[in-house]
Amino acid sequence: MSDDLEATRKELDKEFEQFRKNLGKVYEKLERVSQAGPTDDIYTLLNELEDTVNKVRTGGMIGSGLKGHREAREKYVKLRGA
């Protein structure tokens, strides 16, 4: 494996690990929705889930979200195919 390809793969793995860590936040919010009962504020729970998914995808105010993974993956696929 070339040095460029290896470095790109490490970056892709790092970005994916960050995604997996953030995915746990989505699971937590989803579990709250799943455990909701008839008297719970389901609208707010779903809104919190949606906000969390959006922050994981976009990175919110300070992060890059999945943009870093997308870019690392595109670079890796391009180098691997070359």
C-alpha atoms as a PDB file:
ATOM      1  CA  MET A   1       0.000   0.000   0.000  1.00  0.00           C
ATOM      2  CA  SER A   2       1.459   3.369  -0.952  1.00  0.00           C
ATOM      3  CA  ASP A   3       2.184   5.951   1.727  1.00  0.00           C
ATOM      4  CA  ASP A   4      -0.500   8.280   0.344  1.00  0.00           C
ATOM      5  CA  LEU A   5      -3.092   5.529   0.309  1.00  0.00           C
ATOM      6  CA  GLU A   6      -2.146   4.403   3.803  1.00  0.00           C
ATOM      7  CA  ALA A   7      -2.336   7.958   5.188  1.00  0.00           C
ATOM      8  CA  THR A   8      -5.659   8.504   3.469  1.00  0.00           C
ATOM      9  CA  ARG A   9      -7.011   5.252   4.920  1.00  0.00           C
ATOM     10  CA  LYS A  10      -5.935   6.320   8.416  1.00  0.00           C
ATOM     11  CA  GLU A  11      -7.764   9.629   7.948  1.00  0.00           C
ATOM     12  CA  LEU A  12     -10.850   7.779   6.718  1.00  0.00           C
ATOM     13  CA  ASP A  13     -10.717   5.457   9.742  1.00  0.00           C
ATOM     14  CA  LYS A  14     -10.362   8.449  12.085  1.00  0.00           C
ATOM     15  CA  GLU A  15     -13.365  10.182  10.522  1.00  0.00           C
ATOM     16  CA  PHE A  16     -15.404   6.986  10.703  1.00  0.00           C
ATOM     17  CA  GLU A  17     -14.498   6.520  14.377  1.00  0.00           C
ATOM     18  CA  GLN A  18     -15.718  10.061  15.070  1.00  0.00           C
ATOM     19  CA  PHE A  19     -18.988   9.254  13.293  1.00  0.00           C
ATOM     20  CA  ARG A  20     -19.457   6.066  15.350  1.00  0.00           C
ATOM     21  CA  LYS A  21     -18.887   8.031  18.553  1.00  0.00           C
ATOM     22  CA  ASN A  22     -21.492  10.587  17.536  1.00  0.00           C
ATOM     23  CA  LEU A  23     -23.884   7.867  16.430  1.00  0.00           C
ATOM     24  CA  GLY A  24     -24.205   6.900  20.088  1.00  0.00           C
ATOM     25  CA  LYS A  25     -25.884  10.271  20.705  1.00  0.00           C
ATOM     26  CA  VAL A  26     -28.436   9.438  18.020  1.00  0.00           C
ATOM     27  CA  TYR A  27     -29.117   6.059  19.633  1.00  0.00           C
ATOM     28  CA  GLU A  28     -29.656   7.737  23.003  1.00  0.00           C
ATOM     29  CA  LYS A  29     -32.255  10.108  21.567  1.00  0.00           C
ATOM     30  CA  LEU A  30     -33.893   7.302  19.600  1.00  0.00           C
ATOM     31  CA  GLU A  31     -34.138   5.217  22.770  1.00  0.00           C
ATOM     32  CA  ARG A  32     -35.901   8.094  24.525  1.00  0.00           C
ATOM     33  CA  VAL A  33     -38.434   8.225  21.676  1.00  0.00           C
ATOM     34  CA  SER A  34     -38.813   4.453  21.737  1.00  0.00           C
ATOM     35  CA  GLN A  35     -39.433   4.426  25.507  1.00  0.00           C
ATOM     36  CA  ALA A  36     -41.943   7.283  25.392  1.00  0.00           C
ATOM     37  CA  GLY A  37     -45.389   6.671  26.705  1.00  0.00           C
ATOM     38  CA  PRO A  38     -48.767   8.204  25.871  1.00  0.00           C
ATOM     39  CA  THR A  39     -48.271  11.107  28.286  1.00  0.00           C
ATOM     40  CA  ASP A  40     -44.751  12.003  27.120  1.00  0.00           C
ATOM     41  CA  ASP A  41     -44.059  14.992  24.871  1.00  0.00           C
ATOM     42  CA  ILE A  42     -43.311  12.979  21.748  1.00  0.00           C
ATOM     43  CA  TYR A  43     -43.107  16.097  19.585  1.00  0.00           C
ATOM     44  CA  THR A  44     -40.213  17.449  21.657  1.00  0.00           C
ATOM     45  CA  LEU A  45     -38.512  14.049  21.820  1.00  0.00           C
ATOM     46  CA  LEU A  46     -38.668  13.724  18.027  1.00  0.00           C
ATOM     47  CA  ASN A  47     -37.438  17.295  17.629  1.00  0.00           C
ATOM     48  CA  GLU A  48     -34.448  16.505  19.874  1.00  0.00           C
ATOM     49  CA  LEU A  49     -33.735  13.368  17.824  1.00  0.00           C
ATOM     50  CA  GLU A  50     -33.910  15.353  14.597  1.00  0.00           C
ATOM     51  CA  ASP A  51     -31.583  18.036  15.990  1.00  0.00           C
ATOM     52  CA  THR A  52     -29.092  15.394  17.084  1.00  0.00           C
ATOM     53  CA  VAL A  53     -29.111  13.678  13.692  1.00  0.00           C
ATOM     54  CA  ASN A  54     -28.620  17.059  12.023  1.00  0.00           C
ATOM     55  CA  LYS A  55     -25.662  17.894  14.297  1.00  0.00           C
ATOM     56  CA  VAL A  56     -24.037  14.535  13.577  1.00  0.00           C
ATOM     57  CA  ARG A  57     -24.497  15.086   9.846  1.00  0.00           C
ATOM     58  CA  THR A  58     -23.445  18.748   9.683  1.00  0.00           C
ATOM     59  CA  GLY A  59     -21.258  19.151  12.763  1.00  0.00           C
ATOM     60  CA  GLY A  60     -23.422  21.878  14.236  1.00  0.00           C
ATOM     61  CA  MET A  61     -21.883  25.296  14.851  1.00  0.00           C
ATOM     62  CA  ILE A  62     -18.261  24.245  15.379  1.00  0.00           C
ATOM     63  CA  GLY A  63     -17.669  20.920  13.660  1.00  0.00           C
ATOM     64  CA  SER A  64     -17.593  19.575  10.154  1.00  0.00           C
ATOM     65  CA  GLY A  65     -19.839  16.592  10.804  1.00  0.00           C
ATOM     66  CA  LEU A  66     -19.779  13.981   8.113  1.00  0.00           C
ATOM     67  CA  LYS A  67     -18.196  16.361   5.608  1.00  0.00           C
ATOM     68  CA  GLY A  68     -14.780  15.184   6.788  1.00  0.00           C
ATOM     69  CA  HIS A  69     -15.759  11.547   6.314  1.00  0.00           C
ATOM     70  CA  ARG A  70     -17.212  12.224   2.876  1.00  0.00           C
ATOM     71  CA  GLU A  71     -14.056  14.021   1.747  1.00  0.00           C
ATOM     72  CA  ALA A  72     -11.734  11.369   3.231  1.00  0.00           C
ATOM     73  CA  ARG A  73     -13.767   8.600   1.607  1.00  0.00           C
ATOM     74  CA  GLU A  74     -13.749  10.316  -1.804  1.00  0.00           C
ATOM     75  CA  LYS A  75      -9.974  10.786  -1.607  1.00  0.00           C
ATOM     76  CA  TYR A  76      -9.450   7.172  -0.527  1.00  0.00           C
ATOM     77  CA  VAL A  77     -11.650   5.764  -3.292  1.00  0.00           C
ATOM     78  CA  LYS A  78      -9.868   7.922  -5.865  1.00  0.00           C
ATOM     79  CA  LEU A  79      -6.392   6.854  -4.702  1.00  0.00           C
ATOM     80  CA  ARG A  80      -7.381   3.209  -4.407  1.00  0.00           C
ATOM     81  CA  GLY A  81      -8.802   3.196  -7.916  1.00  0.00           C
ATOM     82  CA  ALA A  82      -5.780   4.898  -9.450  1.00  0.00           C
END
